[in-house]
Amino acid sequence: MKTNRLVLVALCSVAAAVMAGCSGSNHSADTDAPVYLTVDITKGVADAPVNLGADVIIPSMSIKSFPKAPGANLSSQDDVVLDQWVVTFRRTDGGTATSPAWNNTYNVYVPNGGTATLENYRIMPVEYLSQPPLNQLFPENGGFDRETGKDNIRQELTISLYGKTIGGRKVSLTFPVTIRFYYGA
């Protein structure tokens, strides 16, 4: 009897894990729109000097809209307007201090079944480059990260886009970008 219960509990646990995995990385399951979005970064940024004196940008990326149901009959009411961009930071180099989260409002129109191409999209404002923890990389502040002892800081930027279809249904998209910040000579 005990063995049957253990087997049953194990099977239920596996089933729950499988079900959770089905929607965990698919953000389209979190929205009620009949479309989902993907991003293709055709020209990215891998390194950013903190003394650049300019915003950190993604030089070129495309946001594409797809119907959730293949062969779905979509209309212009299913076009998407993204208007809220939230960037959060996570260290990938062993350090713990991160740049603060950044909220940005910027309207991007993505037709259903179509693509919006963005050039030089700002993912981090220039003022963040002179704030902790990145300010430690400037020579006058030591030139290295006090947590790792390295002359660079690696952070993963999680970029979350929020919006609605023209018909008022929620749409979101989240993607990561990892950047190595350093002081450029």
Protein backbone atom coordinates (compact mmCIF):
# COMPACT_ATOMS: atom_id res chain seq x y z
CA MET A 1 0.00 0.00 0.00
CA LYS A 2 2.84 2.38 0.89
CA THR A 3 4.56 1.71 -2.43
CA ASN A 4 1.35 2.51 -4.37
CA ARG A 5 1.04 5.85 -2.58
CA LEU A 6 4.67 6.70 -3.32
CA VAL A 7 4.21 5.83 -6.99
CA LEU A 8 1.01 7.90 -7.12
CA VAL A 9 2.69 10.90 -5.45
CA ALA A 10 5.68 10.60 -7.79
CA LEU A 11 3.44 10.46 -10.86
CA CYS A 12 1.43 13.47 -9.70
CA SER A 13 4.65 15.41 -9.08
CA VAL A 14 5.94 14.59 -12.57
CA ALA A 15 2.61 15.57 -14.14
CA ALA A 16 2.59 18.89 -12.26
CA ALA A 17 6.16 19.62 -13.35
CA VAL A 18 5.33 18.86 -16.98
CA MET A 19 2.25 21.10 -16.87
CA ALA A 20 4.23 23.94 -15.28
CA GLY A 21 6.93 23.57 -17.92
CA CYS A 22 4.43 23.93 -20.74
CA SER A 23 3.70 27.58 -19.99
CA GLY A 24 6.76 28.61 -17.95
CA SER A 25 8.82 29.92 -20.84
CA ASN A 26 5.92 30.66 -23.18
CA HIS A 27 4.83 34.16 -22.28
CA SER A 28 2.02 33.99 -24.84
CA ALA A 29 0.19 31.76 -22.36
CA ASP A 30 0.17 34.70 -19.94
CA THR A 31 -1.84 36.93 -22.29
CA ASP A 32 -5.40 36.80 -23.56
CA ALA A 33 -4.63 38.05 -27.08
CA PRO A 34 -4.97 35.68 -30.06
CA VAL A 35 -1.39 36.56 -31.07
CA TYR A 36 2.03 36.09 -29.52
CA LEU A 37 5.25 38.02 -30.09
CA THR A 38 8.87 37.03 -30.67
CA VAL A 39 12.01 39.13 -30.90
CA ASP A 40 14.96 38.75 -33.25
CA ILE A 41 18.02 40.81 -32.39
CA THR A 42 19.83 41.18 -35.70
CA LYS A 43 22.52 43.49 -34.31
CA GLY A 44 23.05 43.23 -30.58
CA VAL A 45 25.33 44.74 -28.00
CA ALA A 46 27.73 42.50 -26.07
CA ASP A 47 30.03 45.10 -24.53
CA ALA A 48 29.30 48.61 -23.28
CA PRO A 49 31.95 51.05 -22.06
CA VAL A 50 30.69 52.95 -18.98
CA ASN A 51 32.52 56.07 -20.16
CA LEU A 52 30.78 56.06 -23.55
CA GLY A 53 28.63 59.05 -22.61
CA ALA A 54 25.58 57.65 -24.40
CA ASP A 55 22.61 55.38 -23.74
CA VAL A 56 23.11 51.63 -24.14
CA ILE A 57 21.18 50.59 -27.24
CA ILE A 58 20.30 47.55 -29.28
CA PRO A 59 21.33 48.62 -32.80
CA SER A 60 18.70 46.56 -34.60
CA MET A 61 15.89 44.22 -33.58
CA SER A 62 12.59 43.00 -34.97
CA ILE A 63 9.41 42.16 -33.07
CA LYS A 64 7.18 39.70 -34.90
CA SER A 65 3.53 38.83 -34.34
CA PHE A 66 2.14 35.33 -34.88
CA PRO A 67 -1.35 33.87 -34.42
CA LYS A 68 -1.60 31.53 -31.43
CA ALA A 69 -3.87 29.22 -33.41
CA PRO A 70 -2.50 28.24 -36.83
CA GLY A 71 -4.83 29.38 -39.60
CA ALA A 72 -6.69 31.77 -37.28
CA ASN A 73 -8.67 34.51 -39.01
CA LEU A 74 -7.20 37.70 -37.52
CA SER A 75 -8.23 41.30 -38.13
CA SER A 76 -6.76 44.75 -37.54
CA GLN A 77 -8.23 44.48 -34.01
CA ASP A 78 -5.42 41.96 -33.36
CA ASP A 79 -2.64 44.41 -34.22
CA VAL A 80 -0.49 45.16 -31.16
CA VAL A 81 0.66 48.40 -29.57
CA LEU A 82 3.47 47.93 -27.05
CA ASP A 83 3.72 50.91 -24.71
CA GLN A 84 5.48 49.80 -21.52
CA TRP A 85 9.07 48.57 -21.44
CA VAL A 86 10.55 47.35 -18.14
CA VAL A 87 14.24 46.46 -17.84
CA THR A 88 15.51 44.59 -14.79
CA PHE A 89 19.09 43.60 -14.09
CA ARG A 90 20.77 40.47 -12.74
CA ARG A 91 24.49 39.90 -12.23
CA THR A 92 26.01 37.00 -14.17
CA ASP A 93 29.57 37.37 -12.90
CA GLY A 94 29.15 36.37 -9.26
CA GLY A 95 28.47 39.87 -7.95
CA THR A 96 25.19 40.84 -6.29
CA ALA A 97 24.86 44.63 -6.70
CA THR A 98 22.87 45.49 -9.84
CA SER A 99 21.72 48.54 -11.70
CA PRO A 100 18.20 49.66 -10.72
CA ALA A 101 15.16 48.58 -12.74
CA TRP A 102 14.22 50.97 -15.52
CA ASN A 103 10.73 51.73 -16.85
CA ASN A 104 10.36 53.28 -20.26
CA THR A 105 7.28 54.26 -22.26
CA TYR A 106 7.72 53.93 -25.99
CA ASN A 107 4.97 53.04 -28.46
CA VAL A 108 5.68 50.33 -30.99
CA TYR A 109 3.04 49.14 -33.44
CA VAL A 110 3.21 45.48 -34.55
CA PRO A 111 0.63 44.42 -37.17
CA ASN A 112 -0.86 40.95 -36.65
CA GLY A 113 1.19 38.47 -38.66
CA GLY A 114 3.71 41.28 -39.29
CA THR A 115 6.94 42.77 -38.01
CA ALA A 116 8.10 45.99 -36.36
CA THR A 117 11.79 46.78 -36.85
CA LEU A 118 13.49 48.96 -34.25
CA GLU A 119 16.80 50.71 -34.83
CA ASN A 120 18.96 52.01 -31.97
CA TYR A 121 16.47 51.06 -29.29
CA ARG A 122 17.50 52.35 -25.86
CA ILE A 123 17.69 49.62 -23.20
CA MET A 124 19.60 51.55 -20.52
CA PRO A 125 19.87 55.29 -19.95
CA VAL A 126 23.31 56.90 -19.87
CA GLU A 127 22.89 58.08 -16.27
CA TYR A 128 22.85 54.43 -15.08
CA LEU A 129 26.46 54.06 -16.28
CA SER A 130 27.66 56.46 -13.56
CA GLN A 131 25.57 54.90 -10.77
CA PRO A 132 26.38 51.88 -8.56
CA PRO A 133 27.59 49.31 -9.28
CA LEU A 134 28.93 50.46 -12.67
CA ASN A 135 30.49 53.64 -11.27
CA GLN A 136 33.13 51.46 -9.56
CA LEU A 137 34.69 50.84 -12.98
CA PHE A 138 35.78 54.47 -13.39
CA PRO A 139 39.50 55.00 -12.57
CA GLU A 140 38.68 57.65 -9.95
CA ASN A 141 36.57 55.02 -8.11
CA GLY A 142 39.20 52.28 -8.20
CA GLY A 143 38.60 50.90 -11.69
CA PHE A 144 37.28 47.52 -10.56
CA ASP A 145 34.21 45.88 -9.07
CA ARG A 146 34.68 45.55 -5.30
CA GLU A 147 32.60 42.35 -5.17
CA THR A 148 34.44 40.38 -7.84
CA GLY A 149 37.76 42.19 -8.10
CA LYS A 150 37.35 42.34 -11.89
CA ASP A 151 37.67 45.36 -14.17
CA ASN A 152 34.27 44.62 -15.72
CA ILE A 153 30.73 43.86 -14.61
CA ARG A 154 28.42 41.46 -16.43
CA GLN A 155 24.68 41.94 -16.11
CA GLU A 156 21.76 40.22 -17.76
CA LEU A 157 19.07 42.71 -18.73
CA THR A 158 15.62 41.17 -18.75
CA ILE A 159 13.52 43.28 -21.10
CA SER A 160 9.77 42.92 -20.64
CA LEU A 161 7.40 44.54 -23.13
CA TYR A 162 3.74 45.11 -22.33
CA GLY A 163 0.87 46.29 -24.45
CA LYS A 164 -2.52 45.50 -25.91
CA THR A 165 -4.09 44.62 -29.17
CA ILE A 166 -6.19 47.34 -30.82
CA GLY A 167 -9.17 45.33 -29.51
CA GLY A 168 -7.89 45.77 -25.92
CA ARG A 169 -6.43 42.32 -25.17
CA LYS A 170 -3.18 42.07 -23.15
CA VAL A 171 0.09 41.10 -24.85
CA SER A 172 3.56 40.72 -23.36
CA LEU A 173 7.03 39.60 -24.40
CA THR A 174 10.15 39.05 -22.28
CA PHE A 175 13.70 38.43 -23.46
CA PRO A 176 17.23 38.63 -21.99
CA VAL A 177 20.30 40.53 -23.17
CA THR A 178 23.67 39.99 -21.44
CA ILE A 179 26.17 42.85 -21.47
CA ARG A 180 29.73 43.21 -20.22
CA PHE A 181 30.29 46.71 -18.85
CA TYR A 182 33.87 48.05 -18.72
CA TYR A 183 35.83 51.29 -18.71
CA GLY A 184 37.04 51.97 -22.26
CA ALA A 185 40.47 53.46 -22.64
